[in-house]
């Protein structure tokens, strides 16, 4: 019973770390966000690949440049093995931007895959990855109209095509190799690698 109680407490703390990281980013609480990452952590997302601390700094630069986003998080599912845990969380991120003078909102649905590790008694994120599910684009003002470049749009992955279009529009190079359910072969290596890490490999 004591072991089960401790596991429940650990899972609650891990879920709070994961949820805090996204909430802190949305609220521009950079020190709080930074505290959720180990110094040698890795973040691998559509627009960023690097360490957790570098990701916090890049997120701050983006926010201060006026590029804001908001995350809607589902419940975090935790798999625990000693001082290591895997956390999976449904996530929808919305971002607004101007395309040809028209305000649009892109919503990207995904599942966050995080490795969370306890070091010196503290749980922090060791790695953040993502699996893309689907996305969409809507004009904020229903009376406005916008025409997208169909050829450019068709070149992007269907699971995050509008996000890629928006990233390209602001001068960032969209990645085509990210895990997404349109290509199961991109998802399975992430799952296998995470499972191996949880079991103690790597």
N, C-alpha and C. Protein backbone atom coordinates (compact mmCIF):
# COMPACT_ATOMS: atom_id res chain seq x y z
N UNK A 1 0.82 -1.20 0.00
CA UNK A 1 0.00 0.00 0.00
C UNK A 1 0.86 1.26 0.00
N UNK A 2 1.95 1.23 0.78
CA UNK A 2 2.84 2.39 0.82
C UNK A 2 3.47 2.66 -0.54
N UNK A 3 3.86 1.61 -1.25
CA UNK A 3 4.45 1.77 -2.59
C UNK A 3 3.42 2.35 -3.56
N UNK A 4 2.18 1.89 -3.47
CA UNK A 4 1.14 2.39 -4.36
C UNK A 4 0.86 3.87 -4.09
N UNK A 5 0.85 4.24 -2.81
CA UNK A 5 0.63 5.63 -2.45
C UNK A 5 1.76 6.51 -2.97
N UNK A 6 3.01 6.05 -2.83
CA UNK A 6 4.14 6.83 -3.32
C UNK A 6 4.09 6.97 -4.84
N UNK A 7 3.68 5.91 -5.53
CA UNK A 7 3.56 5.98 -6.99
C UNK A 7 2.51 7.01 -7.40
N UNK A 8 1.40 7.05 -6.68
CA UNK A 8 0.36 8.02 -6.97
C UNK A 8 0.87 9.45 -6.76
N UNK A 9 1.62 9.66 -5.69
CA UNK A 9 2.17 10.98 -5.42
C UNK A 9 3.18 11.38 -6.49
N UNK A 10 4.02 10.43 -6.90
CA UNK A 10 5.00 10.72 -7.96
C UNK A 10 4.30 11.08 -9.26
N UNK A 11 3.26 10.31 -9.62
CA UNK A 11 2.54 10.59 -10.86
C UNK A 11 1.88 11.96 -10.83
N UNK A 12 1.34 12.34 -9.68
CA UNK A 12 0.72 13.67 -9.56
C UNK A 12 1.76 14.77 -9.72
N UNK A 13 2.94 14.56 -9.15
CA UNK A 13 3.99 15.57 -9.26
C UNK A 13 4.50 15.68 -10.69
N UNK A 14 4.64 14.54 -11.35
CA UNK A 14 5.10 14.53 -12.75
C UNK A 14 4.10 15.26 -13.64
N UNK A 15 2.81 14.96 -13.46
CA UNK A 15 1.78 15.62 -14.25
C UNK A 15 1.80 17.12 -14.02
N UNK A 16 2.05 17.54 -12.79
CA UNK A 16 2.11 18.97 -12.50
C UNK A 16 3.29 19.63 -13.20
N UNK A 17 4.43 18.95 -13.25
CA UNK A 17 5.59 19.50 -13.95
C UNK A 17 5.26 19.71 -15.43
N UNK A 18 4.65 18.71 -16.05
CA UNK A 18 4.32 18.77 -17.47
C UNK A 18 3.32 19.90 -17.75
N UNK A 19 2.27 19.97 -16.93
CA UNK A 19 1.26 21.00 -17.13
C UNK A 19 1.82 22.39 -16.83
N UNK A 20 2.69 22.50 -15.82
CA UNK A 20 3.29 23.79 -15.47
C UNK A 20 4.15 24.34 -16.60
N UNK A 21 4.89 23.46 -17.29
CA UNK A 21 5.77 23.91 -18.36
C UNK A 21 4.99 24.66 -19.43
N UNK A 22 3.84 24.13 -19.86
CA UNK A 22 3.04 24.78 -20.90
C UNK A 22 2.34 26.04 -20.36
N UNK A 23 1.82 25.95 -19.14
CA UNK A 23 1.13 27.11 -18.55
C UNK A 23 2.10 28.27 -18.37
N UNK A 24 3.31 27.97 -17.92
CA UNK A 24 4.31 29.02 -17.73
C UNK A 24 4.69 29.67 -19.05
N UNK A 25 4.78 28.88 -20.11
CA UNK A 25 5.11 29.44 -21.42
C UNK A 25 4.01 30.39 -21.89
N UNK A 26 2.76 29.97 -21.74
CA UNK A 26 1.65 30.82 -22.17
C UNK A 26 1.60 32.14 -21.41
N UNK A 27 2.03 32.11 -20.14
CA UNK A 27 1.94 33.28 -19.28
C UNK A 27 3.25 34.06 -19.18
N UNK A 28 4.22 33.70 -20.04
CA UNK A 28 5.52 34.38 -20.08
C UNK A 28 6.22 34.36 -18.72
N UNK A 29 6.10 33.24 -18.03
CA UNK A 29 6.78 33.05 -16.74
C UNK A 29 8.03 32.21 -17.00
N UNK A 30 9.08 32.88 -17.46
CA UNK A 30 10.23 32.18 -18.01
C UNK A 30 11.04 31.45 -16.95
N UNK A 31 11.20 32.02 -15.77
CA UNK A 31 11.95 31.33 -14.71
C UNK A 31 11.20 30.08 -14.27
N UNK A 32 9.89 30.19 -14.18
CA UNK A 32 9.07 29.03 -13.80
C UNK A 32 9.14 27.95 -14.87
N UNK A 33 9.10 28.35 -16.12
CA UNK A 33 9.22 27.39 -17.22
C UNK A 33 10.58 26.71 -17.20
N UNK A 34 11.63 27.49 -17.01
CA UNK A 34 12.98 26.95 -17.00
C UNK A 34 13.15 25.90 -15.90
N UNK A 35 12.48 26.10 -14.77
CA UNK A 35 12.62 25.20 -13.63
C UNK A 35 12.02 23.83 -13.89
N UNK A 36 11.26 23.68 -14.97
CA UNK A 36 10.67 22.37 -15.28
C UNK A 36 11.62 21.49 -16.09
N UNK A 37 12.75 22.04 -16.54
CA UNK A 37 13.69 21.30 -17.40
C UNK A 37 14.99 20.99 -16.69
N UNK A 38 15.53 19.81 -16.97
CA UNK A 38 16.92 19.53 -16.62
C UNK A 38 17.82 20.31 -17.58
N UNK A 39 19.00 20.67 -17.13
CA UNK A 39 19.92 21.48 -17.95
C UNK A 39 20.30 20.77 -19.24
N UNK A 40 20.39 19.44 -19.22
CA UNK A 40 20.80 18.68 -20.41
C UNK A 40 19.61 18.09 -21.16
N UNK A 41 18.43 18.62 -20.93
CA UNK A 41 17.24 18.12 -21.59
C UNK A 41 17.25 18.43 -23.09
N UNK A 42 16.36 17.75 -23.82
CA UNK A 42 16.25 17.93 -25.26
C UNK A 42 14.79 18.22 -25.60
N UNK A 43 14.57 19.20 -26.47
CA UNK A 43 13.23 19.52 -26.98
C UNK A 43 13.26 19.38 -28.49
N UNK A 44 12.28 18.64 -29.04
CA UNK A 44 12.24 18.38 -30.48
C UNK A 44 10.81 18.61 -30.97
N UNK A 45 10.57 19.81 -31.54
CA UNK A 45 9.25 20.22 -31.99
C UNK A 45 9.33 20.73 -33.43
N UNK A 46 8.20 21.23 -33.93
CA UNK A 46 8.14 21.67 -35.32
C UNK A 46 9.14 22.76 -35.64
N UNK A 47 9.30 23.72 -34.74
CA UNK A 47 10.11 24.89 -35.02
C UNK A 47 11.41 24.94 -34.22
N UNK A 48 11.66 23.90 -33.40
CA UNK A 48 12.83 23.97 -32.52
C UNK A 48 13.40 22.59 -32.25
N UNK A 49 14.74 22.52 -32.24
CA UNK A 49 15.45 21.34 -31.75
C UNK A 49 16.67 21.83 -30.98
N UNK A 50 16.72 21.48 -29.70
CA UNK A 50 17.84 21.92 -28.86
C UNK A 50 17.55 21.56 -27.42
N UNK A 51 18.25 22.22 -26.51
CA UNK A 51 18.09 21.92 -25.09
C UNK A 51 16.87 22.62 -24.51
N UNK A 52 16.43 22.14 -23.35
CA UNK A 52 15.33 22.78 -22.66
C UNK A 52 15.59 24.25 -22.36
N UNK A 53 16.74 24.59 -21.75
CA UNK A 53 17.04 26.00 -21.49
C UNK A 53 17.07 26.84 -22.77
N UNK A 54 17.60 26.29 -23.86
CA UNK A 54 17.60 27.03 -25.13
C UNK A 54 16.18 27.22 -25.64
N UNK A 55 15.33 26.23 -25.42
CA UNK A 55 13.94 26.34 -25.84
C UNK A 55 13.22 27.44 -25.07
N UNK A 56 13.49 27.54 -23.79
CA UNK A 56 12.89 28.61 -22.98
C UNK A 56 13.31 29.96 -23.53
N UNK A 57 14.61 30.11 -23.81
CA UNK A 57 15.11 31.38 -24.34
C UNK A 57 14.49 31.70 -25.70
N UNK A 58 14.37 30.69 -26.56
CA UNK A 58 13.77 30.90 -27.88
C UNK A 58 12.29 31.25 -27.75
N UNK A 59 11.61 30.62 -26.82
CA UNK A 59 10.20 30.92 -26.59
C UNK A 59 10.03 32.35 -26.11
N UNK A 60 10.94 32.80 -25.28
CA UNK A 60 10.87 34.18 -24.79
C UNK A 60 11.08 35.17 -25.93
N UNK A 61 12.06 34.89 -26.79
CA UNK A 61 12.30 35.79 -27.94
C UNK A 61 11.07 35.85 -28.83
N UNK A 62 10.45 34.70 -29.07
CA UNK A 62 9.25 34.66 -29.90
C UNK A 62 8.12 35.47 -29.26
N UNK A 63 7.94 35.30 -27.97
CA UNK A 63 6.88 36.02 -27.26
C UNK A 63 7.11 37.52 -27.33
N UNK A 64 8.35 37.93 -27.08
CA UNK A 64 8.66 39.36 -27.07
C UNK A 64 8.58 39.97 -28.47
N UNK A 65 8.66 39.14 -29.51
CA UNK A 65 8.49 39.61 -30.88
C UNK A 65 7.02 39.70 -31.28
N UNK A 66 6.14 39.36 -30.34
CA UNK A 66 4.71 39.46 -30.60
C UNK A 66 4.06 38.21 -31.14
N UNK A 67 4.78 37.11 -31.19
CA UNK A 67 4.24 35.84 -31.70
C UNK A 67 3.80 34.98 -30.51
N UNK A 68 2.56 35.13 -30.14
CA UNK A 68 2.01 34.47 -28.96
C UNK A 68 1.21 33.24 -29.37
N UNK A 69 1.13 32.28 -28.48
CA UNK A 69 0.31 31.10 -28.68
C UNK A 69 -0.33 30.71 -27.36
N UNK A 70 -1.32 29.83 -27.43
CA UNK A 70 -2.00 29.36 -26.23
C UNK A 70 -2.21 27.86 -26.34
N UNK A 71 -2.02 27.17 -25.22
CA UNK A 71 -2.11 25.71 -25.20
C UNK A 71 -3.30 25.26 -24.37
N UNK A 72 -4.07 24.35 -24.93
CA UNK A 72 -5.15 23.69 -24.19
C UNK A 72 -4.72 22.25 -23.96
N UNK A 73 -4.54 21.91 -22.70
CA UNK A 73 -3.96 20.62 -22.34
C UNK A 73 -5.03 19.65 -21.84
N UNK A 74 -4.91 18.40 -22.27
CA UNK A 74 -5.73 17.34 -21.70
C UNK A 74 -5.03 16.75 -20.49
N UNK A 75 -5.61 15.73 -19.89
CA UNK A 75 -4.97 15.10 -18.73
C UNK A 75 -3.70 14.38 -19.13
N UNK A 76 -2.73 14.38 -18.23
CA UNK A 76 -1.44 13.74 -18.47
C UNK A 76 -1.46 12.31 -17.96
N UNK A 77 -1.12 11.38 -18.85
CA UNK A 77 -1.01 9.97 -18.49
C UNK A 77 0.45 9.65 -18.21
N UNK A 78 0.73 9.05 -17.05
CA UNK A 78 2.10 8.82 -16.62
C UNK A 78 2.38 7.34 -16.48
N UNK A 79 3.50 6.89 -17.03
CA UNK A 79 4.03 5.54 -16.81
C UNK A 79 5.31 5.70 -16.00
N UNK A 80 5.40 5.00 -14.89
CA UNK A 80 6.46 5.23 -13.91
C UNK A 80 7.34 4.01 -13.76
N UNK A 81 8.64 4.25 -13.65
CA UNK A 81 9.61 3.19 -13.35
C UNK A 81 10.74 3.79 -12.53
N UNK A 82 10.62 3.73 -11.22
CA UNK A 82 11.65 4.28 -10.35
C UNK A 82 11.78 5.78 -10.50
N UNK A 83 12.96 6.23 -10.88
CA UNK A 83 13.22 7.66 -11.05
C UNK A 83 13.00 8.14 -12.47
N UNK A 84 12.39 7.30 -13.28
CA UNK A 84 12.09 7.69 -14.66
C UNK A 84 10.59 7.55 -14.92
N UNK A 85 10.08 8.40 -15.80
CA UNK A 85 8.66 8.34 -16.14
C UNK A 85 8.45 8.83 -17.56
N UNK A 86 7.42 8.30 -18.20
CA UNK A 86 6.96 8.80 -19.48
C UNK A 86 5.62 9.48 -19.26
N UNK A 87 5.46 10.66 -19.83
CA UNK A 87 4.22 11.42 -19.70
C UNK A 87 3.69 11.74 -21.09
N UNK A 88 2.42 11.39 -21.33
CA UNK A 88 1.77 11.71 -22.60
C UNK A 88 0.57 12.61 -22.32
N UNK A 89 0.48 13.71 -23.09
CA UNK A 89 -0.56 14.69 -22.83
C UNK A 89 -1.17 15.18 -24.14
N UNK A 90 -2.48 15.06 -24.33
CA UNK A 90 -3.12 15.70 -25.49
C UNK A 90 -2.96 17.21 -25.40
N UNK A 91 -2.71 17.84 -26.53
CA UNK A 91 -2.45 19.28 -26.53
C UNK A 91 -2.96 19.91 -27.82
N UNK A 92 -3.67 21.01 -27.67
CA UNK A 92 -4.08 21.81 -28.83
C UNK A 92 -3.48 23.19 -28.66
N UNK A 93 -2.69 23.63 -29.63
CA UNK A 93 -2.05 24.94 -29.55
C UNK A 93 -2.64 25.84 -30.63
N UNK A 94 -3.01 27.03 -30.24
CA UNK A 94 -3.54 28.00 -31.19
C UNK A 94 -2.58 29.17 -31.31
N UNK A 95 -2.42 29.65 -32.53
CA UNK A 95 -1.54 30.79 -32.79
C UNK A 95 -2.20 31.67 -33.85
N UNK A 96 -2.12 32.98 -33.65
CA UNK A 96 -2.67 33.92 -34.61
C UNK A 96 -1.55 34.60 -35.37
N UNK A 97 -1.86 34.93 -36.62
CA UNK A 97 -0.86 35.59 -37.46
C UNK A 97 -1.58 36.33 -38.58
N UNK A 98 -0.83 37.16 -39.27
CA UNK A 98 -1.33 37.87 -40.44
C UNK A 98 -0.83 37.16 -41.69
N UNK A 99 -1.76 36.78 -42.56
CA UNK A 99 -1.42 36.23 -43.87
C UNK A 99 -2.03 37.14 -44.93
N UNK A 100 -1.16 37.80 -45.68
CA UNK A 100 -1.63 38.73 -46.71
C UNK A 100 -2.61 39.76 -46.15
N UNK A 101 -2.29 40.22 -44.94
CA UNK A 101 -3.10 41.25 -44.31
C UNK A 101 -4.37 40.76 -43.65
N UNK A 102 -4.58 39.47 -43.63
CA UNK A 102 -5.77 38.89 -43.01
C UNK A 102 -5.36 38.15 -41.75
N UNK A 103 -6.07 38.41 -40.64
CA UNK A 103 -5.75 37.73 -39.38
C UNK A 103 -6.34 36.32 -39.40
N UNK A 104 -5.47 35.34 -39.15
CA UNK A 104 -5.90 33.94 -39.14
C UNK A 104 -5.47 33.29 -37.84
N UNK A 105 -6.12 32.19 -37.54
CA UNK A 105 -5.75 31.40 -36.37
C UNK A 105 -5.53 29.96 -36.79
N UNK A 106 -4.35 29.45 -36.44
CA UNK A 106 -4.01 28.05 -36.73
C UNK A 106 -4.09 27.26 -35.43
N UNK A 107 -4.82 26.16 -35.46
CA UNK A 107 -4.92 25.28 -34.30
C UNK A 107 -4.32 23.93 -34.66
N UNK A 108 -3.35 23.51 -33.86
CA UNK A 108 -2.64 22.25 -34.10
C UNK A 108 -2.91 21.29 -32.96
N UNK A 109 -3.44 20.13 -33.29
CA UNK A 109 -3.71 19.09 -32.29
C UNK A 109 -2.55 18.09 -32.30
N UNK A 110 -2.08 17.76 -31.12
CA UNK A 110 -0.93 16.88 -31.02
C UNK A 110 -0.98 16.10 -29.70
N UNK A 111 0.00 15.27 -29.51
CA UNK A 111 0.19 14.57 -28.25
C UNK A 111 1.64 14.75 -27.82
N UNK A 112 1.84 15.39 -26.68
CA UNK A 112 3.18 15.59 -26.16
C UNK A 112 3.70 14.30 -25.54
N UNK A 113 4.95 13.97 -25.86
CA UNK A 113 5.62 12.80 -25.29
C UNK A 113 6.84 13.29 -24.53
N UNK A 114 6.81 13.15 -23.22
CA UNK A 114 7.90 13.69 -22.41
C UNK A 114 8.52 12.61 -21.53
N UNK A 115 9.83 12.66 -21.48
CA UNK A 115 10.57 11.86 -20.51
C UNK A 115 10.83 12.76 -19.31
N UNK A 116 10.44 12.27 -18.16
CA UNK A 116 10.60 13.05 -16.93
C UNK A 116 11.45 12.22 -15.97
N UNK A 117 12.46 12.85 -15.41
CA UNK A 117 13.42 12.12 -14.58
C UNK A 117 13.60 12.82 -13.24
N UNK A 118 13.69 12.01 -12.19
CA UNK A 118 13.94 12.54 -10.84
C UNK A 118 15.43 12.49 -10.54
N UNK A 119 15.97 13.67 -10.31
CA UNK A 119 17.38 13.79 -9.93
C UNK A 119 17.46 14.63 -8.66
N UNK A 120 18.23 14.15 -7.72
CA UNK A 120 18.35 14.83 -6.42
C UNK A 120 16.98 15.11 -5.82
N UNK A 121 16.07 14.18 -6.02
CA UNK A 121 14.75 14.27 -5.41
C UNK A 121 13.76 15.16 -6.14
N UNK A 122 14.13 15.70 -7.32
CA UNK A 122 13.27 16.64 -8.03
C UNK A 122 12.95 16.10 -9.43
N UNK A 123 11.67 16.06 -9.77
CA UNK A 123 11.24 15.65 -11.10
C UNK A 123 11.33 16.83 -12.06
N UNK A 124 12.01 16.62 -13.20
CA UNK A 124 12.06 17.63 -14.25
C UNK A 124 12.04 16.92 -15.61
N UNK A 125 11.75 17.67 -16.65
CA UNK A 125 11.67 17.12 -18.00
C UNK A 125 13.07 16.85 -18.54
N UNK A 126 13.28 15.64 -19.05
CA UNK A 126 14.55 15.27 -19.67
C UNK A 126 14.47 15.34 -21.19
N UNK A 127 13.27 15.14 -21.71
CA UNK A 127 13.08 15.23 -23.16
C UNK A 127 11.62 15.54 -23.46
N UNK A 128 11.40 16.42 -24.43
CA UNK A 128 10.05 16.67 -24.93
C UNK A 128 10.01 16.38 -26.42
N UNK A 129 9.14 15.46 -26.80
CA UNK A 129 8.87 15.18 -28.20
C UNK A 129 7.39 15.37 -28.46
N UNK A 130 6.96 15.09 -29.68
CA UNK A 130 5.58 15.37 -30.04
C UNK A 130 5.15 14.45 -31.16
N UNK A 131 3.87 14.10 -31.16
CA UNK A 131 3.25 13.39 -32.27
C UNK A 131 2.11 14.27 -32.78
N UNK A 132 2.15 14.61 -34.05
CA UNK A 132 1.15 15.49 -34.63
C UNK A 132 -0.06 14.69 -35.10
N UNK A 133 -1.25 15.23 -34.84
CA UNK A 133 -2.50 14.55 -35.15
C UNK A 133 -3.23 15.21 -36.32
N UNK A 134 -3.48 16.50 -36.21
CA UNK A 134 -4.18 17.23 -37.27
C UNK A 134 -4.09 18.71 -36.96
N UNK A 135 -4.37 19.55 -37.94
CA UNK A 135 -4.44 20.99 -37.69
C UNK A 135 -5.43 21.63 -38.64
N UNK A 136 -5.71 22.89 -38.39
CA UNK A 136 -6.66 23.61 -39.22
C UNK A 136 -6.38 25.10 -39.16
N UNK A 137 -6.93 25.82 -40.10
CA UNK A 137 -6.75 27.27 -40.18
C UNK A 137 -8.12 27.91 -40.34
N UNK A 138 -8.35 28.99 -39.58
CA UNK A 138 -9.62 29.72 -39.66
C UNK A 138 -9.33 31.21 -39.75
N UNK A 139 -10.14 31.91 -40.51
CA UNK A 139 -10.07 33.36 -40.56
C UNK A 139 -10.74 33.91 -39.32
N UNK A 140 -10.07 34.82 -38.61
CA UNK A 140 -10.61 35.34 -37.35
C UNK A 140 -11.89 36.14 -37.59
N UNK A 141 -11.87 36.98 -38.60
CA UNK A 141 -13.05 37.77 -38.96
C UNK A 141 -13.81 37.03 -40.07
N UNK A 142 -15.00 36.52 -39.79
CA UNK A 142 -15.72 35.73 -40.80
C UNK A 142 -16.01 36.47 -42.10
N UNK A 143 -15.99 37.79 -42.06
CA UNK A 143 -16.27 38.53 -43.28
C UNK A 143 -15.05 38.67 -44.18
N UNK A 144 -13.88 38.29 -43.67
CA UNK A 144 -12.65 38.38 -44.46
C UNK A 144 -12.45 37.11 -45.28
N UNK A 145 -11.68 37.23 -46.33
CA UNK A 145 -11.37 36.08 -47.19
C UNK A 145 -9.86 36.01 -47.39
N UNK A 146 -9.37 34.79 -47.55
CA UNK A 146 -7.94 34.60 -47.80
C UNK A 146 -7.76 33.47 -48.79
N UNK A 147 -6.76 33.61 -49.64
CA UNK A 147 -6.42 32.56 -50.59
C UNK A 147 -5.01 32.06 -50.29
N UNK A 148 -4.92 30.77 -50.05
CA UNK A 148 -3.62 30.16 -49.78
C UNK A 148 -3.03 29.62 -51.08
N UNK A 149 -1.71 29.46 -51.08
CA UNK A 149 -1.02 28.88 -52.22
C UNK A 149 -1.21 27.36 -52.15
N UNK A 150 -2.10 26.81 -52.97
CA UNK A 150 -2.42 25.38 -52.89
C UNK A 150 -1.22 24.50 -53.15
N UNK A 151 -0.32 24.92 -54.03
CA UNK A 151 0.86 24.11 -54.33
C UNK A 151 1.78 24.02 -53.12
N UNK A 152 1.98 25.15 -52.45
CA UNK A 152 2.81 25.14 -51.24
C UNK A 152 2.16 24.30 -50.15
N UNK A 153 0.86 24.47 -49.98
CA UNK A 153 0.16 23.74 -48.93
C UNK A 153 0.22 22.24 -49.16
N UNK A 154 0.12 21.82 -50.42
CA UNK A 154 0.14 20.40 -50.75
C UNK A 154 1.49 19.76 -50.48
N UNK A 155 2.54 20.57 -50.37
CA UNK A 155 3.89 20.04 -50.14
C UNK A 155 4.13 19.66 -48.69
N UNK A 156 3.21 20.06 -47.81
CA UNK A 156 3.40 19.84 -46.38
C UNK A 156 2.62 18.62 -45.90
N UNK A 157 3.05 18.08 -44.77
CA UNK A 157 2.41 16.91 -44.17
C UNK A 157 0.97 17.22 -43.75
N UNK A 158 0.02 16.34 -44.00
CA UNK A 158 -1.38 16.63 -43.66
C UNK A 158 -1.64 16.79 -42.17
N UNK A 159 -0.79 16.22 -41.34
CA UNK A 159 -1.01 16.33 -39.89
C UNK A 159 -0.63 17.70 -39.33
N UNK A 160 0.22 18.44 -40.04
CA UNK A 160 0.57 19.78 -39.56
C UNK A 160 0.87 20.71 -40.74
N UNK A 161 0.01 20.65 -41.76
CA UNK A 161 0.27 21.41 -43.00
C UNK A 161 0.06 22.92 -42.80
N UNK A 162 -0.97 23.31 -42.06
CA UNK A 162 -1.22 24.73 -41.88
C UNK A 162 -0.18 25.36 -40.94
N UNK A 163 0.25 24.60 -39.95
CA UNK A 163 1.35 25.06 -39.10
C UNK A 163 2.60 25.27 -39.93
N UNK A 164 2.91 24.33 -40.82
CA UNK A 164 4.08 24.46 -41.69
C UNK A 164 3.96 25.68 -42.59
N UNK A 165 2.78 25.88 -43.13
CA UNK A 165 2.53 27.04 -44.00
C UNK A 165 2.78 28.34 -43.24
N UNK A 166 2.29 28.39 -42.00
CA UNK A 166 2.48 29.58 -41.19
C UNK A 166 3.95 29.79 -40.84
N UNK A 167 4.64 28.71 -40.49
CA UNK A 167 6.07 28.82 -40.18
C UNK A 167 6.85 29.35 -41.38
N UNK A 168 6.55 28.82 -42.57
CA UNK A 168 7.24 29.28 -43.77
C UNK A 168 6.94 30.75 -44.03
N UNK A 169 5.73 31.15 -43.75
CA UNK A 169 5.33 32.54 -43.98
C UNK A 169 6.14 33.51 -43.13
N UNK A 170 6.51 33.08 -41.90
CA UNK A 170 7.27 33.97 -41.01
C UNK A 170 8.78 33.73 -41.13
N UNK A 171 9.19 32.95 -42.13
CA UNK A 171 10.61 32.81 -42.41
C UNK A 171 11.29 31.62 -41.77
N UNK A 172 10.54 30.69 -41.19
CA UNK A 172 11.14 29.49 -40.61
C UNK A 172 10.96 28.31 -41.56
N UNK A 173 11.94 27.41 -41.56
CA UNK A 173 11.91 26.26 -42.45
C UNK A 173 11.11 25.13 -41.80
N UNK A 174 9.96 24.78 -42.35
CA UNK A 174 9.17 23.68 -41.76
C UNK A 174 9.90 22.35 -41.89
N UNK A 175 9.79 21.52 -40.88
CA UNK A 175 10.36 20.19 -40.90
C UNK A 175 9.33 19.19 -41.40
N UNK A 176 9.77 18.26 -42.22
CA UNK A 176 8.86 17.27 -42.78
C UNK A 176 9.06 15.88 -42.16
N UNK A 177 9.97 15.78 -41.18
CA UNK A 177 10.34 14.47 -40.65
C UNK A 177 9.78 14.20 -39.26
N UNK A 178 8.88 15.03 -38.77
CA UNK A 178 8.39 14.89 -37.41
C UNK A 178 7.38 13.75 -37.28
N UNK A 179 7.27 13.15 -36.10
CA UNK A 179 6.29 12.09 -35.91
C UNK A 179 4.87 12.59 -36.10
N UNK A 180 4.10 11.88 -36.92
CA UNK A 180 2.70 12.24 -37.16
C UNK A 180 1.92 11.00 -37.54
N UNK A 181 0.63 11.00 -37.23
CA UNK A 181 -0.15 9.78 -37.46
C UNK A 181 -0.38 9.51 -38.94
N UNK A 182 -0.07 10.48 -39.80
CA UNK A 182 -0.16 10.21 -41.24
C UNK A 182 0.95 9.28 -41.69
N UNK A 183 2.02 9.20 -40.90
CA UNK A 183 3.14 8.31 -41.21
C UNK A 183 3.49 7.51 -39.96
N UNK A 184 2.84 6.38 -39.74
CA UNK A 184 3.10 5.58 -38.53
C UNK A 184 4.57 5.22 -38.34
N UNK A 185 5.29 5.11 -39.45
CA UNK A 185 6.71 4.76 -39.35
C UNK A 185 7.54 5.86 -38.69
N UNK A 186 6.99 7.07 -38.59
CA UNK A 186 7.69 8.15 -37.89
C UNK A 186 7.35 8.15 -36.40
N UNK A 187 6.25 7.49 -36.03
CA UNK A 187 5.81 7.48 -34.63
C UNK A 187 6.44 6.33 -33.86
N UNK A 188 6.50 5.16 -34.46
CA UNK A 188 6.96 3.97 -33.74
C UNK A 188 8.37 4.11 -33.18
N UNK A 189 9.33 4.68 -33.92
CA UNK A 189 10.67 4.84 -33.33
C UNK A 189 10.66 5.69 -32.05
N UNK A 190 9.81 6.72 -32.01
CA UNK A 190 9.70 7.53 -30.80
C UNK A 190 9.18 6.70 -29.64
N UNK A 191 8.13 5.91 -29.89
CA UNK A 191 7.56 5.07 -28.84
C UNK A 191 8.56 4.03 -28.36
N UNK A 192 9.26 3.40 -29.30
CA UNK A 192 10.25 2.38 -28.93
C UNK A 192 11.39 2.97 -28.13
N UNK A 193 11.86 4.14 -28.56
CA UNK A 193 12.96 4.79 -27.86
C UNK A 193 12.55 5.19 -26.45
N UNK A 194 11.34 5.72 -26.31
CA UNK A 194 10.86 6.10 -24.99
C UNK A 194 10.71 4.89 -24.08
N UNK A 195 10.17 3.80 -24.62
CA UNK A 195 10.00 2.58 -23.82
C UNK A 195 11.36 2.05 -23.35
N UNK A 196 12.35 2.07 -24.24
CA UNK A 196 13.68 1.60 -23.88
C UNK A 196 14.28 2.48 -22.79
N UNK A 197 14.09 3.78 -22.92
CA UNK A 197 14.61 4.71 -21.90
C UNK A 197 13.94 4.46 -20.56
N UNK A 198 12.63 4.25 -20.56
CA UNK A 198 11.92 4.00 -19.31
C UNK A 198 12.42 2.73 -18.64
N UNK A 199 12.79 1.74 -19.44
CA UNK A 199 13.27 0.47 -18.89
C UNK A 199 14.69 0.57 -18.37
N UNK A 200 15.35 1.70 -18.65
CA UNK A 200 16.69 1.91 -18.10
C UNK A 200 17.78 1.98 -19.11
N UNK A 201 17.47 1.84 -20.40
CA UNK A 201 18.49 1.95 -21.44
C UNK A 201 18.72 3.42 -21.77
N UNK A 202 19.96 3.76 -22.04
CA UNK A 202 20.27 5.12 -22.47
C UNK A 202 20.29 6.13 -21.35
